[in-house]
Amino acid sequence: MKNNYGIDNHRKYKINHIGRDFFLGDLHGSIQLLNKTLKKIKFNIETDRIFCVGDVIDRGDASAECLKLCKNKWFFSVLGNHEAMLLESKDNAFKKEVWFRNGGQWWAEVGFNERSLLEEIILEEFCVSLSVETALGNVGVIHSGYPFCEWPLRNDEELNKSHLKNILWDREILKQSHTKITTGVSLIISGHTPIDAPTLLGNHLFIDTGCGHYANENLRKPRLTLCEIASSTNLLFHELDYKSYRVTDLSI
């Protein structure tokens, strides 16, 4: 675990033979929306799993509850820039101010013992990246960019500040519609940048459809998206107020 946060660079999860796996876009404290969506898809906590792209906290009204999801055996998340801001703000007043301006104000109402518990959840349950075996092959999850040509990250390699900035904050790949194929993985799934619809660039899929944000000219209908690997060539997207829709014949 060679990074500034003291968490694993990478974790691996074997194929789920008894249930379904879902990949969740940025949640941003919206636990009621998540629960309604899970009810819609008939999510089974005994057999199904969720892998989140990070940013489970801030903006919504249930950040603490969303962090505590990671204590369940069916919910896993990589580190997002909002969890990173929480950790970085502990001893840095400037970073704390920046975080509070970006949805972290809820932290001011959290008591000392609860803060310790929530920090411990991030340090123990989160990782920088993860891989899941699926019908599509090896699927990677990371919050935003991936600054390397080959997957995965190694736990014995050093992630410097530049690498972490790209992993947690990069928006250029979407802004420039940069198509890149990363070897060693069938698909990488990320979030971070709110977009109107899931977007595939090379073998990098972005699924943050704006949960926790207000509508604007670039984001017409903010919502939460879950992606299911339906088969070796099919992705199935689930959103609460939309019919589930399938993307077929993936050219990756």
Protein backbone atom coordinates (compact mmCIF):
# COMPACT_ATOMS: atom_id res chain seq x y z
CA MET A 1 0.00 0.00 0.00
CA LYS A 2 2.29 2.74 -1.27
CA ASN A 3 0.24 5.92 -1.46
CA ASN A 4 -0.40 9.01 0.66
CA TYR A 5 -3.53 7.53 2.25
CA GLY A 6 -2.15 4.26 3.60
CA ILE A 7 -4.76 2.13 1.82
CA ASP A 8 -4.30 -0.68 -0.69
CA ASN A 9 -3.49 0.36 -4.24
CA HIS A 10 -5.51 -2.58 -5.55
CA ARG A 11 -7.87 -5.37 -4.49
CA LYS A 12 -9.22 -8.31 -6.49
CA TYR A 13 -12.64 -9.99 -6.37
CA LYS A 14 -13.46 -13.35 -7.91
CA ILE A 15 -16.44 -13.97 -10.18
CA ASN A 16 -19.85 -14.07 -8.53
CA HIS A 17 -21.30 -17.50 -9.34
CA ILE A 18 -24.41 -17.16 -7.18
CA GLY A 19 -25.68 -13.65 -7.92
CA ARG A 20 -25.28 -10.45 -9.88
CA ASP A 21 -22.66 -7.70 -9.74
CA PHE A 22 -23.49 -4.02 -10.20
CA PHE A 23 -21.15 -1.07 -10.72
CA LEU A 24 -22.38 2.11 -9.07
CA GLY A 25 -21.73 5.71 -10.11
CA ASP A 26 -20.91 8.48 -7.63
CA LEU A 27 -23.45 8.16 -4.80
CA HIS A 28 -22.87 11.47 -2.98
CA GLY A 29 -24.79 10.75 0.20
CA SER A 30 -28.03 9.77 -1.57
CA ILE A 31 -28.86 6.59 0.31
CA GLN A 32 -32.65 6.85 -0.18
CA LEU A 33 -32.19 7.04 -3.93
CA LEU A 34 -29.89 4.04 -3.83
CA ASN A 35 -32.36 2.02 -1.75
CA LYS A 36 -35.20 2.80 -4.15
CA THR A 37 -33.04 1.77 -7.11
CA LEU A 38 -32.01 -1.47 -5.40
CA LYS A 39 -35.67 -2.24 -4.77
CA LYS A 40 -36.40 -1.65 -8.45
CA ILE A 41 -33.75 -4.16 -9.57
CA LYS A 42 -34.67 -6.65 -6.80
CA PHE A 43 -31.18 -6.53 -5.33
CA ASN A 44 -30.43 -9.51 -3.07
CA ILE A 45 -27.95 -8.75 -0.28
CA GLU A 46 -27.29 -12.48 0.16
CA THR A 47 -26.06 -13.07 -3.40
CA ASP A 48 -25.54 -9.76 -5.23
CA ARG A 49 -22.68 -7.26 -4.93
CA ILE A 50 -22.11 -3.56 -5.60
CA PHE A 51 -18.80 -2.00 -6.61
CA CYS A 52 -18.79 1.80 -6.39
CA VAL A 53 -16.52 4.20 -8.29
CA GLY A 54 -16.07 6.36 -5.17
CA ASP A 55 -17.49 9.67 -3.93
CA VAL A 56 -20.04 7.94 -1.73
CA ILE A 57 -20.15 11.07 0.47
CA ASP A 58 -21.06 14.80 0.30
CA ARG A 59 -23.88 16.80 -1.32
CA GLY A 60 -26.65 14.40 -0.21
CA ASP A 61 -28.16 14.19 3.26
CA ALA A 62 -26.81 10.78 4.34
CA SER A 63 -23.03 10.78 3.93
CA ALA A 64 -22.31 8.88 7.14
CA GLU A 65 -24.88 6.21 6.28
CA CYS A 66 -23.41 5.83 2.80
CA LEU A 67 -19.90 5.35 4.21
CA LYS A 68 -21.23 2.67 6.55
CA LEU A 69 -22.49 0.71 3.53
CA CYS A 70 -18.87 -0.37 3.10
CA LYS A 71 -19.12 -2.45 6.29
CA ASN A 72 -21.52 -4.78 4.46
CA LYS A 73 -20.23 -7.87 2.70
CA TRP A 74 -22.00 -6.81 -0.51
CA PHE A 75 -20.78 -3.19 -0.92
CA PHE A 76 -17.25 -2.21 -2.00
CA SER A 77 -15.82 1.12 -3.10
CA VAL A 78 -12.66 2.67 -4.42
CA LEU A 79 -11.44 5.99 -3.05
CA GLY A 80 -13.01 9.09 -4.60
CA ASN A 81 -11.71 12.64 -4.40
CA HIS A 82 -14.36 13.46 -1.78
CA GLU A 83 -13.18 10.69 0.56
CA ALA A 84 -9.63 11.87 -0.11
CA MET A 85 -10.62 15.44 0.87
CA LEU A 86 -12.08 14.10 4.13
CA LEU A 87 -8.79 12.41 4.99
CA GLU A 88 -6.63 15.36 3.88
CA SER A 89 -8.66 17.94 5.80
CA LYS A 90 -7.96 16.42 9.20
CA ASP A 91 -4.81 18.49 9.77
CA ASN A 92 -5.13 21.08 7.01
CA ALA A 93 -7.47 24.04 7.49
CA PHE A 94 -7.23 25.19 3.86
CA LYS A 95 -8.13 21.75 2.47
CA LYS A 96 -10.96 21.51 4.99
CA GLU A 97 -12.37 24.83 3.73
CA VAL A 98 -12.17 23.64 0.12
CA TRP A 99 -13.90 20.38 1.05
CA PHE A 100 -16.67 22.16 2.94
CA ARG A 101 -17.32 24.34 -0.12
CA ASN A 102 -17.77 21.14 -2.14
CA GLY A 103 -20.31 19.36 0.03
CA GLY A 104 -18.38 18.47 3.18
CA GLN A 105 -20.32 20.73 5.57
CA TRP A 106 -22.09 17.71 7.09
CA TRP A 107 -18.79 16.84 8.82
CA ALA A 108 -19.17 19.84 11.15
CA GLU A 109 -22.19 18.15 12.75
CA VAL A 110 -20.42 14.84 13.35
CA GLY A 111 -19.12 14.05 16.84
CA PHE A 112 -15.55 12.99 17.62
CA ASN A 113 -16.27 9.27 18.06
CA GLU A 114 -18.36 9.12 14.90
CA ARG A 115 -15.63 10.91 12.96
CA SER A 116 -13.09 8.35 14.12
CA LEU A 117 -15.39 5.52 13.04
CA LEU A 118 -15.98 7.02 9.58
CA GLU A 119 -12.27 7.69 9.01
CA GLU A 120 -11.53 4.11 10.02
CA ILE A 121 -14.06 2.82 7.47
CA ILE A 122 -12.27 4.68 4.67
CA LEU A 123 -8.82 3.51 5.77
CA GLU A 124 -9.88 -0.13 6.20
CA GLU A 125 -12.53 -0.69 3.54
CA PHE A 126 -11.53 1.56 0.62
CA CYS A 127 -8.79 0.98 -1.94
CA VAL A 128 -7.43 3.06 -4.82
CA SER A 129 -8.53 0.55 -7.47
CA LEU A 130 -10.11 -2.88 -7.71
CA SER A 131 -10.73 -5.66 -10.20
CA VAL A 132 -13.75 -7.95 -10.54
CA GLU A 133 -13.94 -11.13 -12.60
CA THR A 134 -17.10 -11.02 -14.74
CA ALA A 135 -18.68 -12.58 -17.83
CA LEU A 136 -17.05 -9.75 -19.79
CA GLY A 137 -13.65 -10.61 -18.36
CA ASN A 138 -11.61 -8.65 -15.85
CA VAL A 139 -13.38 -5.36 -15.03
CA GLY A 140 -11.44 -2.63 -13.25
CA VAL A 141 -12.84 0.17 -11.08
CA ILE A 142 -11.07 3.46 -10.35
CA HIS A 143 -12.49 6.87 -9.50
CA SER A 144 -11.48 8.94 -12.52
CA GLY A 145 -8.41 8.71 -14.75
CA TYR A 146 -5.88 5.94 -15.16
CA PRO A 147 -2.39 7.28 -15.90
CA PHE A 148 -0.85 3.96 -16.96
CA CYS A 149 -1.11 1.79 -20.08
CA GLU A 150 -1.44 -1.56 -18.30
CA TRP A 151 -3.85 -2.72 -15.59
CA PRO A 152 -3.73 -3.21 -12.62
CA LEU A 153 -1.96 -1.07 -10.07
CA ARG A 154 0.43 -3.05 -7.88
CA ASN A 155 0.46 -2.83 -4.12
CA ASP A 156 4.25 -2.71 -4.10
CA GLU A 157 4.50 0.29 -6.45
CA GLU A 158 4.62 3.91 -5.36
CA LEU A 159 1.80 6.19 -6.43
CA ASN A 160 3.16 9.74 -6.44
CA LYS A 161 1.12 12.95 -6.17
CA SER A 162 0.82 13.25 -9.95
CA HIS A 163 -0.57 9.71 -10.28
CA LEU A 164 -3.06 10.25 -7.47
CA LYS A 165 -4.18 13.59 -8.91
CA ASN A 166 -4.99 11.87 -12.20
CA ILE A 167 -6.72 8.93 -10.52
CA LEU A 168 -8.87 11.12 -8.26
CA TRP A 169 -9.39 14.36 -10.20
CA ASP A 170 -8.83 13.94 -13.96
CA ARG A 171 -11.55 15.24 -16.30
CA GLU A 172 -9.50 15.64 -19.47
CA ILE A 173 -10.24 12.20 -20.90
CA LEU A 174 -13.93 13.11 -21.10
CA LYS A 175 -13.41 16.74 -22.09
CA GLN A 176 -11.21 15.69 -24.99
CA SER A 177 -13.09 12.43 -25.75
CA HIS A 178 -9.72 10.72 -25.52
CA THR A 179 -9.94 7.10 -26.65
CA LYS A 180 -7.41 4.79 -25.06
CA ILE A 181 -7.18 1.04 -24.70
CA THR A 182 -5.63 -0.12 -21.43
CA THR A 183 -4.19 -3.62 -21.61
CA GLY A 184 -4.67 -6.29 -18.95
CA VAL A 185 -8.34 -5.47 -18.42
CA SER A 186 -11.53 -5.84 -20.47
CA LEU A 187 -13.19 -2.71 -19.12
CA ILE A 188 -12.39 0.06 -16.64
CA ILE A 189 -15.36 1.76 -14.94
CA SER A 190 -15.05 5.26 -13.48
CA GLY A 191 -17.12 8.23 -12.35
CA HIS A 192 -16.13 11.69 -11.04
CA THR A 193 -17.29 13.83 -13.99
CA PRO A 194 -21.10 14.28 -14.19
CA ILE A 195 -22.39 13.43 -17.66
CA ASP A 196 -25.84 13.09 -19.23
CA ALA A 197 -25.39 9.41 -20.11
CA PRO A 198 -22.81 6.66 -19.55
CA THR A 199 -19.93 7.16 -21.97
CA LEU A 200 -17.49 4.57 -23.32
CA LEU A 201 -14.08 5.76 -24.55
CA GLY A 202 -11.84 2.93 -25.71
CA ASN A 203 -12.26 0.40 -22.90
CA HIS A 204 -12.92 3.07 -20.24
CA LEU A 205 -16.56 3.53 -19.20
CA PHE A 206 -17.76 6.58 -17.23
CA ILE A 207 -21.00 6.23 -15.26
CA ASP A 208 -21.37 9.34 -13.06
CA THR A 209 -24.71 10.70 -14.29
CA GLY A 210 -24.87 13.52 -11.77
CA CYS A 211 -26.37 12.08 -8.59
CA GLY A 212 -26.21 14.83 -5.94
CA HIS A 213 -25.86 17.66 -8.48
CA TYR A 214 -28.39 20.22 -9.68
CA ALA A 215 -29.56 20.21 -13.27
CA ASN A 216 -27.83 22.64 -15.63
CA GLU A 217 -27.30 23.14 -19.35
CA ASN A 218 -24.67 20.38 -19.41
CA LEU A 219 -26.47 18.01 -17.05
CA ARG A 220 -30.16 17.95 -17.86
CA LYS A 221 -31.38 15.14 -15.61
CA PRO A 222 -29.03 14.30 -12.71
CA ARG A 223 -29.57 10.72 -11.56
CA LEU A 224 -27.91 7.62 -10.14
CA THR A 225 -26.73 4.91 -12.51
CA LEU A 226 -25.98 1.25 -11.87
CA CYS A 227 -24.23 -0.79 -14.56
CA GLU A 228 -24.66 -4.55 -14.73
CA ILE A 229 -22.44 -6.83 -16.82
CA ALA A 230 -25.19 -8.77 -18.56
CA SER A 231 -22.95 -10.96 -20.76
CA SER A 232 -19.60 -10.98 -22.54
CA THR A 233 -20.91 -8.36 -24.99
CA ASN A 234 -23.74 -6.64 -23.12
CA LEU A 235 -24.02 -3.95 -20.47
CA LEU A 236 -27.31 -3.26 -18.72
CA PHE A 237 -27.88 0.16 -17.15
CA HIS A 238 -30.39 0.73 -14.36
CA GLU A 239 -31.72 4.16 -13.30
CA LEU A 240 -34.66 4.79 -11.00
CA ASP A 241 -36.83 7.01 -13.20
CA TYR A 242 -35.90 5.37 -16.49
CA LYS A 243 -36.49 1.96 -17.96
CA SER A 244 -33.37 -0.19 -17.77
CA TYR A 245 -31.56 -0.12 -21.08
CA ARG A 246 -29.04 -2.41 -22.73
CA VAL A 247 -25.90 -1.56 -24.64
CA THR A 248 -24.86 -4.40 -26.95
CA ASP A 249 -21.98 -5.40 -29.19
CA LEU A 250 -19.29 -3.63 -27.20
CA SER A 251 -16.40 -2.74 -29.47
CA ILE A 252 -13.69 -3.22 -26.85
